[in-house]
Structure formats: C-alpha cells, structure tokens
C-alpha cells in the first residue's frame, strides 16, 4: 500500500510540474512573436501583455485617447498602475515609437 501511494504521489507531482511548465511556456510565447504598436493596440492585445489585465488595458486606452496618442513609451508611467519597473517589463513587447 505504501509503495502504491508513493508512486501515485510522484506521478501527480510530475503531472503538476508538467502543467506549470506548459502554462509558463504558453504565456511566454503568446505575445513575443510580434511587438505591438501602443498607439493602435486593442484592449485584447494590451490585456495579453505581461502584468496588464483588462482594467489596466482600459486605463491605457483611455489615457491614450485623452492625449491623442503616445509620443514616447515613457508616457505609459503616467497611467495609474504602470511603474517604471512595469514599463521596463513591457518594452520588449512594444514597438518603439518614431521619436525613440
């Protein structure tokens, strides 16, 4: 009985680790295949960025619309919820703007 229980626990652990690796792999490739233009990105595209959920994506779009578009990626820190650290994580996924 103890041997069967150990085998089941090991198999369950392997399964869970496999799921975690698969989830991390999917999230790391879902947007890396291309870079988005922050001035034209949809709610869906922004929501797919790491650290950006639907509410923050909505705030980005509202801010973008209120200023007539971003002149630089650095302006993103003016959006409530985006820090310099968050911006640094986002930059690999964003197309540079003309002035940058």
Protein backbone atom coordinates (compact mmCIF):
# COMPACT_ATOMS: atom_id res chain seq x y z
CA UNK A 1 0.00 0.00 0.00
CA UNK A 2 2.76 2.46 0.86
CA UNK A 3 4.59 1.79 -2.39
CA UNK A 4 1.43 2.44 -4.44
CA UNK A 5 0.80 5.66 -2.55
CA UNK A 6 4.37 6.88 -3.22
CA UNK A 7 4.05 6.06 -6.93
CA UNK A 8 0.76 7.97 -7.12
CA UNK A 9 2.26 10.98 -5.34
CA UNK A 10 5.29 11.02 -7.65
CA UNK A 11 3.09 10.73 -10.75
CA UNK A 12 0.82 13.52 -9.51
CA UNK A 13 3.85 15.75 -8.84
CA UNK A 14 5.22 15.09 -12.33
CA UNK A 15 1.83 15.93 -13.82
CA UNK A 16 1.58 19.21 -11.87
CA UNK A 17 5.12 20.25 -12.82
CA UNK A 18 4.32 19.49 -16.47
CA UNK A 19 1.23 21.68 -16.31
CA UNK A 20 3.17 24.54 -14.76
CA UNK A 21 5.89 24.33 -17.41
CA UNK A 22 3.30 24.20 -20.17
CA UNK A 23 1.42 27.24 -18.78
CA UNK A 24 4.63 29.25 -18.46
CA UNK A 25 5.70 28.32 -21.97
CA UNK A 26 2.36 29.39 -23.44
CA UNK A 27 2.35 32.73 -21.64
CA UNK A 28 5.92 33.48 -22.68
CA UNK A 29 5.22 32.94 -26.39
CA UNK A 30 1.73 34.36 -26.66
CA UNK A 31 2.90 37.89 -27.49
CA UNK A 32 6.67 37.56 -28.08
CA UNK A 33 6.18 36.57 -31.68
CA UNK A 34 5.49 40.20 -32.54
CA UNK A 35 5.65 43.66 -31.00
CA UNK A 36 2.57 45.82 -30.72
CA UNK A 37 2.13 49.49 -31.51
CA UNK A 38 0.94 51.08 -28.28
CA UNK A 39 -0.97 53.73 -30.22
CA UNK A 40 -3.01 51.18 -32.16
CA UNK A 41 -3.21 48.25 -29.73
CA UNK A 42 -6.64 46.87 -28.96
CA UNK A 43 -7.90 46.01 -25.50
CA UNK A 44 -7.26 42.34 -26.30
CA UNK A 45 -3.64 42.97 -27.33
CA UNK A 46 -2.90 45.09 -24.27
CA UNK A 47 -4.53 42.54 -21.97
CA UNK A 48 -2.19 39.86 -23.37
CA UNK A 49 0.90 41.79 -22.24
CA UNK A 50 2.61 40.53 -19.08
CA UNK A 51 1.35 42.33 -15.99
CA UNK A 52 -1.52 44.03 -17.82
CA UNK A 53 -5.05 42.92 -17.08
CA UNK A 54 -8.30 44.10 -18.61
CA UNK A 55 -8.74 47.05 -16.23
CA UNK A 56 -5.22 48.37 -16.78
CA UNK A 57 -5.63 47.86 -20.53
CA UNK A 58 -8.77 50.02 -20.37
CA UNK A 59 -6.87 52.73 -18.47
CA UNK A 60 -4.09 52.71 -21.07
CA UNK A 61 -6.61 53.14 -23.88
CA UNK A 62 -8.48 55.92 -22.04
CA UNK A 63 -5.21 57.75 -21.34
CA UNK A 64 -4.02 57.25 -24.93
CA UNK A 65 -7.29 58.66 -26.27
CA UNK A 66 -7.19 61.62 -23.87
CA UNK A 67 -3.72 62.70 -25.03
CA UNK A 68 -4.20 61.88 -28.70
CA UNK A 69 -1.68 59.05 -28.68
CA UNK A 70 1.66 58.39 -27.04
CA UNK A 71 4.72 60.34 -28.20
CA UNK A 72 7.04 58.06 -26.24
CA UNK A 73 6.76 54.78 -24.39
CA UNK A 74 7.86 56.63 -21.26
CA UNK A 75 4.47 58.31 -21.14
CA UNK A 76 2.98 54.99 -20.05
CA UNK A 77 4.14 55.65 -16.48
CA UNK A 78 1.52 58.42 -16.32
CA UNK A 79 -1.14 55.68 -16.44
CA UNK A 80 -2.23 54.68 -12.94
CA UNK A 81 -0.83 51.21 -12.26
CA UNK A 82 2.23 51.40 -14.52
CA UNK A 83 5.53 51.99 -12.78
CA UNK A 84 8.97 52.33 -14.28
CA UNK A 85 9.54 48.68 -13.43
CA UNK A 86 6.37 47.63 -15.25
CA UNK A 87 7.35 49.73 -18.25
CA UNK A 88 10.74 48.00 -18.38
CA UNK A 89 8.97 44.62 -18.49
CA UNK A 90 6.66 45.81 -21.27
CA UNK A 91 9.25 47.38 -23.59
CA UNK A 92 10.33 44.10 -25.24
CA UNK A 93 6.72 43.63 -26.36
CA UNK A 94 6.17 47.16 -27.68
CA UNK A 95 7.29 48.68 -30.96
CA UNK A 96 9.48 51.72 -30.40
CA UNK A 97 7.80 54.98 -31.31
CA UNK A 98 9.24 57.21 -34.04
CA UNK A 99 10.89 59.63 -31.61
CA UNK A 100 12.67 56.86 -29.65
